[in-house]
Amino acid sequence: MINSVHIIGSHQMGGAERFLMRLVRELNQHNHRAVAIIRPNSPLRSALDGNIEQAHVPMRNGCDLLSLLAIRRFINRSHPQIVQTYMGRATRLTHVPAKSNAIHVARLGGYYKIKGYYEHANAWVGNTRGLCDYLIKNGMPVQKVYLIGNFAEVGEPTSSEELDALRRSLSIPEEALILFSLGRFNHQKGFEDLLEAFSLLPRHIDTRPLYLCIAGEGPLKQALHSQADRLEIQDRVVWLGWQDNPGPYYDFADVLVCSSRHETLGNVILEAWSHNLPVISTAAPGPMEIIKDGENGILLPCRNPEKLAGAVEQILRAGPRLWQTFAEQGMRTLLSQHSKGAVVKKYLEMYEELTGMDA
């Protein structure tokens, strides 16, 4: 049996945090002891299953010497074969002791700075082909760079009673068409472009009122709210705040719109497919790897609100039959390439290869 430690130093819940939570949970179901090291105030502390072992280290910044020593002491005590880090802070603070036999695997979910943060690891995981090419281009040995994507779980759909209650709580008419988007409110996610595109759409599609629901938080929150006011769409934009469990919102929407200007993979696309939701996305690097335009979704140029609005109106007017076709193809892509079983299997195979042990 292989033991692993999974370390992340962020204090908010996002894509990397949700992936760690899902992966650690699944590894512990596969005759594998996986422990999470997180910050004391991390939302992962309550989100992780109660039977998953945790350790808490402040990781105040990437130069926190006391946290570096605390992580090193934990590795010395627990004797893991794999130490897997997520993002720059945790990776920079993790230096496997010389006397340890542990393999340090650095997982990247973005095009982060390599020098000073990642090159001291023993192996690297990129969740897209583009990211793996980036690692190799920056000097990481090709035989130690592994392509392993993310996965999204297919869960039970939200009941119609819950969806009706959700609509009522948000004051959205039962007959409304709903666009859904979510993410951090920063420039990379392109919510400015999404709001501009929404302002170009008619208020009704075939007599049905059109609403945009956005889940998220971030530094651009006030600016985005002000933009919606300026565009005079504030009465049809519903701000949901950050949602640790966005499942019901995927279930009550008609189309997911990913407006990112830069997206390494696109977890929201995988999650939408897991809820049988059709996807319209900008052609950022990640979406371009997983979406086949016109088959399992629609791809459009980044930073082009006019074309985004045109595509949204076209798919909405096409009706439920086309929506379902895109959703079904998306689900097929998810199950064949980004299913829980396929991704966990790749991690276990990588651990076996790196350690020479049976996972």
Protein backbone atom coordinates (compact mmCIF):
# COMPACT_ATOMS: atom_id res chain seq x y z
CA MET A 1 0.00 0.00 0.00
CA ILE A 2 1.26 3.46 -0.91
CA ASN A 3 0.82 6.32 1.55
CA SER A 4 0.58 9.86 0.23
CA VAL A 5 0.44 13.37 1.66
CA HIS A 6 -1.41 16.10 -0.24
CA ILE A 7 -0.50 19.71 0.55
CA ILE A 8 -2.23 22.94 -0.46
CA GLY A 9 -1.62 26.39 1.00
CA SER A 10 -4.57 28.45 -0.22
CA HIS A 11 -7.24 29.85 2.08
CA GLN A 12 -10.19 29.84 -0.35
CA MET A 13 -12.18 27.09 -2.04
CA GLY A 14 -11.56 26.90 -5.78
CA GLY A 15 -10.87 24.38 -8.51
CA ALA A 16 -7.58 23.08 -7.09
CA GLU A 17 -9.07 22.72 -3.61
CA ARG A 18 -12.14 20.86 -4.85
CA PHE A 19 -9.93 18.57 -6.94
CA LEU A 20 -7.69 17.77 -3.94
CA MET A 21 -10.77 16.99 -1.88
CA ARG A 22 -12.16 14.62 -4.51
CA LEU A 23 -8.82 12.92 -5.21
CA VAL A 24 -7.94 12.35 -1.54
CA ARG A 25 -11.39 10.96 -0.91
CA GLU A 26 -11.07 8.50 -3.81
CA LEU A 27 -7.50 7.44 -2.98
CA ASN A 28 -8.64 6.47 0.49
CA GLN A 29 -11.20 4.19 -1.14
CA HIS A 30 -8.46 2.35 -3.06
CA ASN A 31 -6.44 0.71 -0.27
CA HIS A 32 -4.41 3.90 -0.08
CA ARG A 33 -3.79 6.16 2.91
CA ALA A 34 -3.97 9.78 1.74
CA VAL A 35 -3.52 12.64 4.24
CA ALA A 36 -4.27 16.32 3.59
CA ILE A 37 -2.09 19.15 4.93
CA ILE A 38 -4.01 22.41 4.76
CA ARG A 39 -4.09 25.80 6.44
CA PRO A 40 -6.00 25.98 9.76
CA ASN A 41 -8.54 28.42 8.32
CA SER A 42 -9.02 26.61 5.02
CA PRO A 43 -12.63 25.77 4.06
CA LEU A 44 -11.27 22.30 3.26
CA ARG A 45 -11.07 21.69 6.99
CA SER A 46 -14.84 21.25 7.21
CA ALA A 47 -15.37 20.13 3.60
CA LEU A 48 -13.15 17.04 3.83
CA ASP A 49 -14.80 13.85 5.00
CA GLY A 50 -14.48 13.25 8.72
CA ASN A 51 -12.59 10.01 8.19
CA ILE A 52 -9.85 11.70 6.11
CA GLU A 53 -6.78 12.52 8.17
CA GLN A 54 -5.76 16.18 8.23
CA ALA A 55 -2.82 18.19 9.49
CA HIS A 56 -2.82 21.98 9.76
CA VAL A 57 0.12 24.21 8.91
CA PRO A 58 -0.18 28.03 8.63
CA MET A 59 1.66 28.40 5.27
CA ARG A 60 1.33 32.19 5.62
CA ASN A 61 3.42 32.80 2.51
CA GLY A 62 5.94 31.06 0.28
CA CYS A 63 8.83 32.01 2.57
CA ASP A 64 7.31 30.83 5.87
CA LEU A 65 10.30 28.98 7.35
CA LEU A 66 8.35 27.64 10.34
CA SER A 67 5.78 26.09 8.02
CA LEU A 68 8.54 24.61 5.87
CA LEU A 69 9.99 22.94 8.95
CA ALA A 70 6.55 21.76 10.11
CA ILE A 71 5.90 20.08 6.75
CA ARG A 72 9.34 18.47 6.86
CA ARG A 73 8.70 17.14 10.38
CA PHE A 74 5.36 15.70 9.29
CA ILE A 75 7.01 13.86 6.38
CA ASN A 76 9.68 12.49 8.73
CA ARG A 77 7.01 11.22 11.15
CA SER A 78 4.52 9.76 8.68
CA HIS A 79 6.94 8.19 6.15
CA PRO A 80 4.83 8.67 2.99
CA GLN A 81 6.01 7.34 -0.33
CA ILE A 82 4.38 10.25 -2.23
CA VAL A 83 4.21 13.91 -1.27
CA GLN A 84 1.93 15.74 -3.70
CA THR A 85 1.71 19.53 -3.67
CA TYR A 86 -0.81 21.83 -5.30
CA MET A 87 0.03 25.33 -6.56
CA GLY A 88 3.03 27.52 -5.79
CA ARG A 89 2.91 28.22 -2.07
CA ALA A 90 2.65 24.62 -0.92
CA THR A 91 5.21 23.46 -3.47
CA ARG A 92 7.72 26.14 -2.51
CA LEU A 93 7.36 25.22 1.18
CA THR A 94 7.74 21.49 0.60
CA HIS A 95 11.28 20.12 0.56
CA VAL A 96 11.41 16.38 1.14
CA PRO A 97 14.09 15.54 3.75
CA ALA A 98 17.23 13.96 2.31
CA LYS A 99 16.82 10.86 4.49
CA SER A 100 13.25 10.33 3.29
CA ASN A 101 12.42 8.02 0.40
CA ALA A 102 9.35 10.09 -0.50
CA ILE A 103 8.83 11.28 -4.06
CA HIS A 104 7.71 14.89 -4.40
CA VAL A 105 5.04 15.28 -7.10
CA ALA A 106 4.07 18.85 -7.98
CA ARG A 107 0.65 19.18 -9.60
CA LEU A 108 0.03 22.28 -11.68
CA GLY A 109 -3.36 23.54 -12.78
CA GLY A 110 -2.05 26.71 -14.42
CA TYR A 111 0.85 28.25 -16.29
CA TYR A 112 2.67 29.28 -13.12
CA LYS A 113 6.21 30.51 -12.73
CA ILE A 114 8.46 27.45 -12.56
CA LYS A 115 11.80 28.84 -11.38
CA GLY A 116 11.97 29.08 -7.61
CA TYR A 117 8.66 27.30 -7.11
CA TYR A 118 8.50 23.95 -8.87
CA GLU A 119 11.85 22.76 -10.19
CA HIS A 120 12.91 21.11 -6.90
CA ALA A 121 10.14 18.48 -7.17
CA ASN A 122 10.88 14.96 -8.45
CA ALA A 123 7.93 14.69 -10.85
CA TRP A 124 5.25 16.97 -12.24
CA VAL A 125 1.60 16.62 -13.23
CA GLY A 126 -0.05 18.90 -15.76
CA ASN A 127 -3.78 18.63 -16.25
CA THR A 128 -3.63 19.55 -19.96
CA ARG A 129 -1.28 18.74 -22.84
CA GLY A 130 -0.48 22.43 -23.20
CA LEU A 131 0.58 22.63 -19.56
CA CYS A 132 2.79 19.54 -19.88
CA ASP A 133 4.46 21.08 -22.94
CA TYR A 134 5.02 24.25 -20.91
CA LEU A 135 6.72 22.25 -18.12
CA ILE A 136 9.00 20.49 -20.59
CA LYS A 137 9.82 23.76 -22.33
CA ASN A 138 10.88 25.14 -18.93
CA GLY A 139 13.38 22.33 -18.42
CA MET A 140 11.44 19.65 -16.57
CA PRO A 141 12.55 16.16 -17.77
CA VAL A 142 10.00 14.76 -20.19
CA GLN A 143 10.02 11.30 -18.55
CA LYS A 144 8.92 12.85 -15.24
CA VAL A 145 6.09 14.98 -16.62
CA TYR A 146 2.68 13.27 -16.49
CA LEU A 147 -0.51 14.31 -18.21
CA ILE A 148 -3.45 13.61 -15.89
CA GLY A 149 -6.64 15.58 -16.29
CA ASN A 150 -9.23 16.53 -13.70
CA PHE A 151 -12.44 14.66 -13.07
CA ALA A 152 -15.97 15.63 -12.17
CA GLU A 153 -18.34 13.28 -10.41
CA VAL A 154 -21.77 12.49 -11.79
CA GLY A 155 -24.11 12.84 -8.84
CA GLU A 156 -27.82 12.59 -8.22
CA PRO A 157 -29.80 15.36 -9.94
CA THR A 158 -31.53 17.97 -7.82
CA SER A 159 -35.21 17.19 -7.30
CA SER A 160 -37.83 19.24 -9.10
CA GLU A 161 -39.19 20.40 -5.74
CA GLU A 162 -35.78 21.77 -4.75
CA LEU A 163 -35.35 23.45 -8.13
CA ASP A 164 -38.77 25.10 -7.84
CA ALA A 165 -37.88 26.35 -4.37
CA LEU A 166 -34.55 27.67 -5.66
CA ARG A 167 -36.24 29.59 -8.46
CA ARG A 168 -38.72 31.10 -6.05
CA SER A 169 -35.97 32.13 -3.62
CA LEU A 170 -34.20 33.93 -6.47
CA SER A 171 -37.42 35.47 -7.85
CA ILE A 172 -36.86 33.88 -11.27
CA PRO A 173 -40.07 33.12 -13.21
CA GLU A 174 -40.79 29.45 -13.84
CA GLU A 175 -40.81 29.97 -17.62
CA ALA A 176 -37.46 31.83 -17.69
CA LEU A 177 -34.44 30.73 -19.69
CA ILE A 178 -31.34 30.67 -17.49
CA LEU A 179 -27.70 31.15 -18.43
CA PHE A 180 -25.24 30.12 -15.74
CA SER A 181 -21.60 30.99 -15.17
CA LEU A 182 -19.26 30.76 -12.19
CA GLY A 183 -15.71 31.45 -11.15
CA ARG A 184 -13.37 33.92 -9.50
CA PHE A 185 -14.10 37.54 -10.28
CA ASN A 186 -10.81 38.40 -11.95
CA HIS A 187 -9.86 39.57 -15.43
CA GLN A 188 -8.86 36.07 -16.60
CA LYS A 189 -12.43 34.77 -16.24
CA GLY A 190 -13.81 37.40 -18.63
CA PHE A 191 -16.99 38.22 -16.74
CA GLU A 192 -16.79 41.75 -18.17
CA ASP A 193 -17.20 40.21 -21.64
CA LEU A 194 -20.08 38.02 -20.44
CA LEU A 195 -22.01 40.99 -19.04
CA GLU A 196 -21.43 42.94 -22.25
CA ALA A 197 -22.65 39.97 -24.31
CA PHE A 198 -25.73 39.56 -22.12
CA SER A 199 -26.61 43.22 -22.62
CA LEU A 200 -26.72 42.58 -26.39
CA LEU A 201 -29.27 39.78 -26.04
CA PRO A 202 -33.02 40.37 -26.18
CA ARG A 203 -34.90 40.40 -22.90
CA HIS A 204 -37.02 37.50 -24.15
CA ILE A 205 -36.35 34.48 -26.36
CA ASP A 206 -39.58 33.21 -27.91
CA THR A 207 -41.61 34.97 -25.18
CA ARG A 208 -39.48 33.44 -22.39
CA PRO A 209 -37.62 35.95 -20.16
CA LEU A 210 -33.83 35.56 -20.17
CA TYR A 211 -31.80 35.60 -16.94
CA LEU A 212 -28.08 35.32 -16.18
CA CYS A 213 -27.02 33.69 -12.90
CA ILE A 214 -23.40 34.17 -11.81
CA ALA A 215 -21.78 32.39 -8.86
CA GLY A 216 -18.47 33.70 -7.57
CA GLU A 217 -16.51 36.23 -5.56
CA GLY A 218 -13.30 38.13 -6.13
CA PRO A 219 -11.58 41.48 -6.49
CA LEU A 220 -13.74 42.62 -9.43
CA LYS A 221 -17.04 42.13 -7.61
CA GLN A 222 -17.90 45.81 -7.23
CA ALA A 223 -16.72 46.67 -10.73
CA LEU A 224 -18.89 43.90 -12.23
CA HIS A 225 -21.95 45.00 -10.26
CA SER A 226 -21.36 48.56 -11.44
CA GLN A 227 -21.01 47.37 -15.03
CA ALA A 228 -24.34 45.53 -14.82
CA ASP A 229 -25.97 48.74 -13.55
CA ARG A 230 -24.37 50.76 -16.34
CA LEU A 231 -25.58 48.28 -18.97
CA GLU A 232 -29.08 48.36 -17.43
CA ILE A 233 -29.24 44.58 -17.04
CA GLN A 234 -29.14 44.49 -13.23
CA ASP A 235 -32.77 43.35 -13.05
CA ARG A 236 -31.94 40.19 -15.05
CA VAL A 237 -28.53 39.32 -13.53
CA VAL A 238 -28.66 37.22 -10.35
CA TRP A 239 -25.50 37.31 -8.22
CA LEU A 240 -25.30 34.06 -6.26
CA GLY A 241 -22.11 34.64 -4.28
CA TRP A 242 -19.53 31.89 -3.90
CA GLN A 243 -21.07 28.41 -3.94
CA ASP A 244 -19.14 25.51 -2.44
CA ASN A 245 -21.81 23.20 -3.86
CA PRO A 246 -22.93 24.66 -7.20
CA GLY A 247 -24.70 21.46 -8.28
CA PRO A 248 -28.29 22.75 -7.97
CA TYR A 249 -27.43 25.80 -10.09
CA TYR A 250 -26.09 23.62 -12.89
CA ASP A 251 -29.32 21.61 -12.66
CA PHE A 252 -31.70 24.54 -12.97
CA ALA A 253 -29.80 26.31 -15.76
CA ASP A 254 -30.37 25.80 -19.48
CA VAL A 255 -26.86 26.62 -20.75
CA LEU A 256 -23.45 27.12 -19.13
CA VAL A 257 -21.38 30.00 -20.50
CA CYS A 258 -17.62 30.01 -19.89
CA SER A 259 -16.31 33.43 -20.93
CA SER A 260 -12.69 33.03 -19.81
CA ARG A 261 -9.92 35.00 -21.48
CA HIS A 262 -7.46 32.41 -20.16
CA GLU A 263 -8.38 28.99 -18.80
CA THR A 264 -5.88 26.19 -18.32
CA LEU A 265 -8.48 23.40 -18.32
CA GLY A 266 -12.02 24.48 -17.43
CA ASN A 267 -13.39 22.58 -14.43
CA VAL A 268 -16.70 24.38 -14.87
CA ILE A 269 -17.08 22.70 -18.27
CA LEU A 270 -16.51 19.23 -16.80
CA GLU A 271 -18.94 20.00 -13.98
CA ALA A 272 -21.55 21.25 -16.45
CA TRP A 273 -21.26 18.04 -18.47
CA SER A 274 -21.63 16.02 -15.27
CA HIS A 275 -25.03 17.74 -14.85
CA ASN A 276 -26.08 17.19 -18.50
CA LEU A 277 -25.77 20.89 -19.24
CA PRO A 278 -24.78 22.19 -22.71
CA VAL A 279 -21.73 24.44 -22.85
CA ILE A 280 -20.77 27.56 -24.77
CA SER A 281 -17.15 28.55 -24.15
CA THR A 282 -14.50 30.91 -25.36
CA ALA A 283 -11.56 29.28 -27.11
CA ALA A 284 -9.11 29.59 -24.22
CA PRO A 285 -6.33 26.93 -24.15
CA GLY A 286 -8.10 24.46 -21.84
CA PRO A 287 -11.54 24.52 -23.44
CA MET A 288 -9.92 24.09 -26.84
CA GLU A 289 -8.43 20.78 -25.64
CA ILE A 290 -11.69 19.29 -24.35
CA ILE A 291 -14.41 20.83 -26.55
CA LYS A 292 -14.94 19.78 -30.15
CA ASP A 293 -16.72 22.75 -31.65
CA GLY A 294 -20.20 21.83 -32.84
CA GLU A 295 -20.09 18.35 -31.29
CA ASN A 296 -19.93 18.54 -27.50
CA GLY A 297 -20.12 22.33 -27.22
CA ILE A 298 -19.55 25.62 -28.97
CA LEU A 299 -16.22 27.48 -29.08
CA LEU A 300 -15.93 31.22 -29.74
CA PRO A 301 -13.11 33.77 -29.79
CA CYS A 302 -12.06 35.24 -26.45
CA ARG A 303 -12.83 38.91 -25.69
CA ASN A 304 -15.58 39.10 -28.31
CA PRO A 305 -18.95 39.89 -26.64
CA GLU A 306 -20.74 40.30 -29.98
CA LYS A 307 -19.92 36.78 -31.18
CA LEU A 308 -20.62 35.36 -27.72
CA ALA A 309 -24.06 37.00 -27.69
CA GLY A 310 -24.77 35.70 -31.19
CA ALA A 311 -23.88 32.12 -30.27
CA VAL A 312 -25.94 32.23 -27.07
CA GLU A 313 -29.00 33.54 -28.90
CA GLN A 314 -28.57 30.96 -31.66
CA ILE A 315 -28.42 27.99 -29.30
CA LEU A 316 -31.28 29.27 -27.16
CA ARG A 317 -33.52 29.73 -30.20
CA ALA A 318 -32.56 26.26 -31.48
CA GLY A 319 -34.37 24.71 -28.53
CA PRO A 320 -34.08 21.77 -26.12
CA ARG A 321 -33.32 19.11 -28.74
CA LEU A 322 -30.00 20.73 -29.67
CA TRP A 323 -29.24 21.50 -26.03
CA GLN A 324 -29.68 17.82 -25.18
CA THR A 325 -27.46 16.73 -28.07
CA PHE A 326 -24.60 18.92 -26.84
CA ALA A 327 -25.19 17.77 -23.26
CA GLU A 328 -25.14 14.08 -24.21
CA GLN A 329 -21.92 14.46 -26.21
CA GLY A 330 -20.39 16.36 -23.31
CA MET A 331 -21.31 13.55 -20.92
CA ARG A 332 -19.68 11.02 -23.27
CA THR A 333 -16.48 13.08 -23.28
CA LEU A 334 -16.58 13.31 -19.50
CA LEU A 335 -17.06 9.58 -18.96
CA SER A 336 -14.41 8.53 -21.47
CA GLN A 337 -11.67 11.03 -20.59
CA HIS A 338 -12.46 12.76 -17.30
CA SER A 339 -14.28 10.21 -15.20
CA LYS A 340 -13.36 9.56 -11.61
CA GLY A 341 -12.24 6.03 -12.37
CA ALA A 342 -10.01 6.98 -15.30
CA VAL A 343 -8.24 9.84 -13.50
CA VAL A 344 -7.70 8.01 -10.20
CA LYS A 345 -6.32 5.04 -12.14
CA LYS A 346 -3.75 7.31 -13.82
CA TYR A 347 -2.64 8.71 -10.46
CA LEU A 348 -2.24 5.24 -8.99
CA GLU A 349 -0.27 4.09 -12.03
CA MET A 350 2.01 7.12 -11.75
CA TYR A 351 2.60 6.43 -8.04
CA GLU A 352 3.48 2.82 -8.85
CA GLU A 353 5.90 3.88 -11.56
CA LEU A 354 7.61 6.48 -9.37
CA THR A 355 7.91 4.29 -6.25
CA GLY A 356 8.22 0.82 -7.73
CA MET A 357 5.45 -0.28 -5.33
CA ASP A 358 1.97 -1.65 -5.90
CA ALA A 359 -0.62 1.05 -5.31
